[in-house]
Amino acid sequence: MLGANKSLHLSLLKTLGLIAVIGGLIMVIVEMQQEKVKTLTKEKLLERNYDQESRLENSQVQLLKNIPSFGFNNMLANWAMLQFIQYYGDEDARRETGYGLSPDFMEIVAKNDPKFVRAYLMMSVASSVNAGKPERTIEIMNKGLSKITPDVTDAYFLWLYKGVDELLFLGDIPAAKKSNQMAADWAKIAGNEFIEKSARGTVKFLETNPDSRAPRVGAWMLVWINSQDEETRKLAKENIEKLGGKLIVINENQVMAIPPKD
């Protein structure tokens, strides 16, 4: 009886200790968030210090990436998703410092809750188009898909989104065909005939139209338009030129991309 009570006591102490550690980690994140709010409040009266905000956001993301989950993986993924929504929705800050942390938020979600399909779909566009990092988006998607089965709700959309990035940004026709084939197969299992037919149609199209340079130029032009930081825009312009196209900026509000000649 004494042994059982002792074991129960130790178990209780461990549980309380675990809660204390998690609580401490959450408090660190909350304090960082409060610091950001204080900064925003002060800067509203003067001028926002976007560089300082960006450093705080980066520190917060690094903390989320490295703290142990202690079994609360879903909670960590949900927290990262909420932080991403706040990050993405701050249009003023994004115009100044860009969307570079988008794939980091996506990576945190994929690591802690690989079946969080809706998060992938929201974050992938920000990661590929706004941040201009389609290779990293695809890498994260591949890791998530390795842990997802066709019975997960809307899972086939992940294959579709990945196929778009592979086609438009990387020009990897074989990979895009495989992704669309998988999307069709998983959509069939899920009973979505429309997506199944659309994905199979894309596979057939790619078999007869392997040159994806023109749509890829269009995709990189979207990256240029949707990004404000110079590094991402430079990357988009370089990729357009590598494809044989040309990016022409008429003024700050007008830009056009000339597709490659046949």
Protein backbone atom coordinates (compact mmCIF):
# COMPACT_ATOMS: atom_id res chain seq x y z
CA MET A 1 0.00 0.00 0.00
CA LEU A 2 2.84 2.37 0.91
CA GLY A 3 4.59 1.47 -2.36
CA ALA A 4 1.45 2.27 -4.35
CA ASN A 5 1.02 5.61 -2.57
CA LYS A 6 4.67 6.46 -3.18
CA SER A 7 4.33 5.60 -6.88
CA LEU A 8 1.19 7.71 -7.14
CA HIS A 9 2.95 10.57 -5.37
CA LEU A 10 5.90 10.42 -7.78
CA SER A 11 3.58 10.29 -10.77
CA LEU A 12 1.73 13.33 -9.48
CA LEU A 13 4.98 15.21 -8.97
CA LYS A 14 6.11 14.37 -12.52
CA THR A 15 2.79 15.55 -13.94
CA LEU A 16 2.93 18.78 -11.98
CA GLY A 17 6.52 19.27 -13.07
CA LEU A 18 5.58 18.74 -16.71
CA ILE A 19 2.73 21.23 -16.43
CA ALA A 20 5.08 23.72 -14.82
CA VAL A 21 7.63 23.37 -17.64
CA ILE A 22 4.97 23.74 -20.35
CA GLY A 23 3.46 26.66 -18.49
CA GLY A 24 6.87 28.30 -18.32
CA LEU A 25 7.44 27.88 -22.05
CA ILE A 26 4.02 29.29 -22.84
CA MET A 27 4.72 32.23 -20.56
CA VAL A 28 7.91 32.95 -22.51
CA ILE A 29 5.96 33.03 -25.76
CA VAL A 30 3.21 35.15 -24.21
CA GLU A 31 5.76 37.60 -22.82
CA MET A 32 7.34 37.89 -26.26
CA GLN A 33 3.89 38.49 -27.71
CA GLN A 34 3.17 41.14 -25.08
CA GLU A 35 6.48 42.80 -25.93
CA LYS A 36 5.41 42.95 -29.55
CA VAL A 37 2.04 44.43 -28.56
CA LYS A 38 3.82 47.06 -26.45
CA THR A 39 6.04 47.88 -29.40
CA LEU A 40 3.06 48.18 -31.71
CA THR A 41 1.20 50.36 -29.21
CA LYS A 42 4.14 52.72 -28.77
CA GLU A 43 4.87 52.85 -32.48
CA LYS A 44 1.28 53.75 -33.29
CA LEU A 45 1.94 57.03 -31.53
CA LEU A 46 5.16 57.55 -33.45
CA GLU A 47 6.36 55.29 -36.26
CA ARG A 48 6.39 51.51 -36.17
CA ASN A 49 9.80 49.91 -35.83
CA TYR A 50 9.36 47.09 -38.31
CA ASP A 51 12.89 45.81 -37.91
CA GLN A 52 12.39 45.37 -34.17
CA GLU A 53 9.06 43.64 -34.74
CA SER A 54 10.70 41.34 -37.29
CA ARG A 55 13.40 40.35 -34.81
CA LEU A 56 10.76 39.54 -32.19
CA GLU A 57 8.78 37.47 -34.69
CA ASN A 58 11.89 35.57 -35.72
CA SER A 59 12.78 34.83 -32.09
CA GLN A 60 9.27 33.59 -31.44
CA VAL A 61 9.35 31.29 -34.47
CA GLN A 62 12.73 29.86 -33.49
CA LEU A 63 11.37 29.15 -30.01
CA LEU A 64 8.33 27.37 -31.44
CA LYS A 65 10.59 25.31 -33.71
CA ASN A 66 12.85 24.15 -30.90
CA ILE A 67 10.78 23.78 -27.73
CA PRO A 68 9.80 20.22 -26.76
CA SER A 69 6.09 19.47 -27.18
CA PHE A 70 5.78 17.08 -24.18
CA GLY A 71 2.98 15.32 -26.04
CA PHE A 72 1.03 18.51 -26.72
CA ASN A 73 1.87 18.49 -30.43
CA ASN A 74 -1.57 19.53 -31.65
CA MET A 75 -1.65 22.48 -29.26
CA LEU A 76 1.74 23.64 -30.55
CA ALA A 77 0.57 23.30 -34.15
CA ASN A 78 -2.61 25.27 -33.42
CA TRP A 79 -0.60 27.98 -31.70
CA ALA A 80 1.75 28.23 -34.70
CA MET A 81 -1.25 28.49 -37.02
CA LEU A 82 -2.76 31.33 -34.98
CA GLN A 83 0.58 33.15 -34.96
CA PHE A 84 0.86 32.72 -38.72
CA ILE A 85 -2.62 34.20 -39.27
CA GLN A 86 -1.62 37.24 -37.23
CA TYR A 87 1.72 37.46 -39.05
CA TYR A 88 0.20 37.12 -42.52
CA GLY A 89 -2.64 39.53 -41.79
CA ASP A 90 -0.36 42.37 -40.70
CA GLU A 91 -0.22 43.95 -44.15
CA ASP A 92 1.72 47.02 -43.09
CA ALA A 93 4.52 44.90 -41.59
CA ARG A 94 4.57 42.49 -44.51
CA ARG A 95 5.03 45.36 -46.95
CA GLU A 96 8.14 46.35 -45.02
CA THR A 97 9.73 43.05 -43.96
CA GLY A 98 8.15 40.48 -46.28
CA TYR A 99 6.77 37.00 -45.73
CA GLY A 100 10.04 35.16 -45.14
CA LEU A 101 8.85 33.35 -41.99
CA SER A 102 5.87 31.71 -43.74
CA PRO A 103 7.65 28.40 -44.48
CA ASP A 104 8.92 28.33 -40.88
CA PHE A 105 5.37 28.48 -39.54
CA MET A 106 4.40 25.79 -42.03
CA GLU A 107 7.28 23.59 -40.90
CA ILE A 108 6.21 23.89 -37.25
CA VAL A 109 2.67 22.78 -38.11
CA ALA A 110 3.85 19.88 -40.30
CA LYS A 111 6.21 18.66 -37.58
CA ASN A 112 3.63 18.70 -34.79
CA ASP A 113 0.39 17.92 -36.64
CA PRO A 114 1.10 16.51 -40.10
CA LYS A 115 -2.62 15.84 -40.67
CA PHE A 116 -3.55 19.53 -40.29
CA VAL A 117 -4.48 19.77 -43.98
CA ARG A 118 -6.19 23.16 -43.87
CA ALA A 119 -3.05 24.72 -42.42
CA TYR A 120 -0.93 23.38 -45.29
CA LEU A 121 -3.36 24.81 -47.84
CA MET A 122 -3.33 28.26 -46.23
CA MET A 123 0.40 28.40 -45.63
CA SER A 124 1.67 26.91 -48.88
CA VAL A 125 0.58 29.90 -50.96
CA ALA A 126 2.29 32.31 -48.55
CA SER A 127 5.41 30.16 -48.55
CA SER A 128 5.64 29.69 -52.32
CA VAL A 129 4.16 32.89 -53.73
CA ASN A 130 4.61 35.55 -51.05
CA ALA A 131 7.92 34.33 -49.64
CA GLY A 132 9.15 32.99 -52.98
CA LYS A 133 10.32 29.67 -51.51
CA PRO A 134 8.51 26.92 -53.48
CA GLU A 135 11.35 24.41 -53.02
CA ARG A 136 10.98 24.59 -49.26
CA THR A 137 7.19 24.41 -49.52
CA ILE A 138 7.45 21.20 -51.52
CA GLU A 139 9.97 19.77 -49.07
CA ILE A 140 7.63 20.42 -46.13
CA MET A 141 4.66 19.01 -48.06
CA ASN A 142 6.60 15.83 -48.83
CA LYS A 143 7.36 15.33 -45.14
CA GLY A 144 3.71 15.84 -44.25
CA LEU A 145 2.39 13.58 -47.01
CA SER A 146 4.65 10.75 -45.81
CA LYS A 147 2.53 10.70 -42.63
CA ILE A 148 -0.88 11.19 -44.21
CA THR A 149 -3.26 8.59 -45.64
CA PRO A 150 -6.03 9.05 -48.25
CA ASP A 151 -8.74 8.83 -45.57
CA VAL A 152 -7.68 12.18 -44.06
CA THR A 153 -10.24 14.82 -45.03
CA ASP A 154 -9.22 16.82 -48.14
CA ALA A 155 -5.77 15.19 -48.15
CA TYR A 156 -5.81 14.96 -51.97
CA PHE A 157 -5.59 18.76 -52.13
CA LEU A 158 -2.05 18.55 -50.78
CA TRP A 159 -1.00 16.57 -53.84
CA LEU A 160 -2.73 19.12 -56.10
CA TYR A 161 -1.04 22.09 -54.45
CA LYS A 162 2.33 20.36 -54.54
CA GLY A 163 1.83 19.56 -58.22
CA VAL A 164 1.16 23.22 -58.99
CA ASP A 165 4.41 24.28 -57.31
CA GLU A 166 6.37 21.54 -59.06
CA LEU A 167 4.98 22.55 -62.45
CA LEU A 168 4.90 26.33 -62.24
CA PHE A 169 7.95 27.09 -60.12
CA LEU A 170 10.31 24.17 -60.66
CA GLY A 171 9.25 23.00 -64.09
CA ASP A 172 9.55 19.42 -62.83
CA ILE A 173 7.09 17.75 -65.19
CA PRO A 174 7.59 14.14 -63.95
CA ALA A 175 7.06 15.22 -60.32
CA ALA A 176 4.00 17.30 -61.26
CA LYS A 177 2.51 14.36 -63.16
CA LYS A 178 3.07 12.06 -60.19
CA SER A 179 1.51 14.53 -57.77
CA ASN A 180 -1.57 14.95 -59.95
CA GLN A 181 -1.85 11.18 -60.37
CA MET A 182 -1.74 10.76 -56.61
CA ALA A 183 -4.30 13.55 -56.22
CA ALA A 184 -6.61 11.72 -58.63
CA ASP A 185 -6.17 8.39 -56.84
CA TRP A 186 -6.80 9.89 -53.40
CA ALA A 187 -9.77 11.94 -54.66
CA LYS A 188 -11.29 8.74 -56.04
CA ILE A 189 -10.94 7.11 -52.63
CA ALA A 190 -12.54 10.18 -51.04
CA GLY A 191 -15.38 10.11 -53.56
CA ASN A 192 -14.62 13.48 -55.18
CA GLU A 193 -15.15 12.77 -58.88
CA PHE A 194 -14.63 16.36 -59.98
CA ILE A 195 -11.12 16.61 -58.50
CA GLU A 196 -10.30 13.12 -59.75
CA LYS A 197 -11.22 14.01 -63.35
CA SER A 198 -9.46 17.39 -63.15
CA ALA A 199 -6.23 15.85 -61.85
CA ARG A 200 -6.24 13.08 -64.46
CA GLY A 201 -6.88 15.72 -67.13
CA THR A 202 -3.80 17.61 -65.90
CA VAL A 203 -1.72 14.43 -66.21
CA LYS A 204 -2.84 13.97 -69.83
CA PHE A 205 -2.14 17.62 -70.59
CA LEU A 206 1.39 17.38 -69.22
CA GLU A 207 2.03 14.29 -71.33
CA THR A 208 1.26 16.23 -74.52
CA ASN A 209 2.43 19.71 -73.46
CA PRO A 210 5.71 19.31 -71.61
CA ASP A 211 6.87 22.92 -72.12
CA SER A 212 5.84 24.81 -69.00
CA ARG A 213 8.00 27.92 -69.47
CA ALA A 214 5.19 30.38 -70.21
CA PRO A 215 3.03 29.49 -67.17
CA ARG A 216 6.17 29.41 -65.01
CA VAL A 217 7.01 32.97 -66.04
CA GLY A 218 3.47 33.92 -65.00
CA ALA A 219 3.92 32.19 -61.65
CA TRP A 220 7.15 34.02 -60.89
CA MET A 221 5.53 37.30 -61.91
CA LEU A 222 2.92 36.63 -59.21
CA VAL A 223 5.76 36.19 -56.73
CA TRP A 224 7.20 39.55 -57.77
CA ILE A 225 3.82 41.27 -57.45
CA ASN A 226 2.93 39.72 -54.09
CA SER A 227 6.26 40.42 -52.46
CA GLN A 228 7.64 43.74 -51.28
CA ASP A 229 11.13 42.80 -50.12
CA GLU A 230 13.90 43.28 -52.63
CA GLU A 231 15.51 39.86 -52.14
CA THR A 232 12.36 37.95 -53.14
CA ARG A 233 11.69 40.26 -56.06
CA LYS A 234 15.25 39.80 -57.27
CA LEU A 235 14.78 36.02 -57.08
CA ALA A 236 11.56 36.25 -59.12
CA LYS A 237 13.18 38.42 -61.78
CA GLU A 238 16.18 36.08 -62.06
CA ASN A 239 13.92 33.05 -62.51
CA ILE A 240 11.89 34.80 -65.20
CA GLU A 241 15.07 35.62 -67.09
CA LYS A 242 16.39 32.06 -66.71
CA LEU A 243 13.21 30.84 -68.40
CA GLY A 244 13.85 33.17 -71.35
CA GLY A 245 11.27 35.73 -70.31
CA LYS A 246 11.60 39.36 -69.34
CA LEU A 247 10.17 41.36 -66.44
CA ILE A 248 9.35 44.99 -67.22
CA VAL A 249 8.49 47.40 -64.41
CA ILE A 250 6.74 50.42 -65.88
CA ASN A 251 6.20 52.12 -62.54
CA GLU A 252 5.50 51.06 -58.96
CA ASN A 253 1.96 50.00 -59.84
CA GLN A 254 2.47 48.42 -63.26
CA VAL A 255 4.54 45.40 -64.14
CA MET A 256 4.44 43.00 -67.04
CA ALA A 257 6.20 39.77 -67.89
CA ILE A 258 7.07 38.88 -71.45
CA PRO A 259 6.94 35.10 -71.94
CA PRO A 260 9.79 33.25 -73.67
CA LYS A 261 9.75 32.92 -77.44
CA ASP A 262 9.15 29.47 -78.86
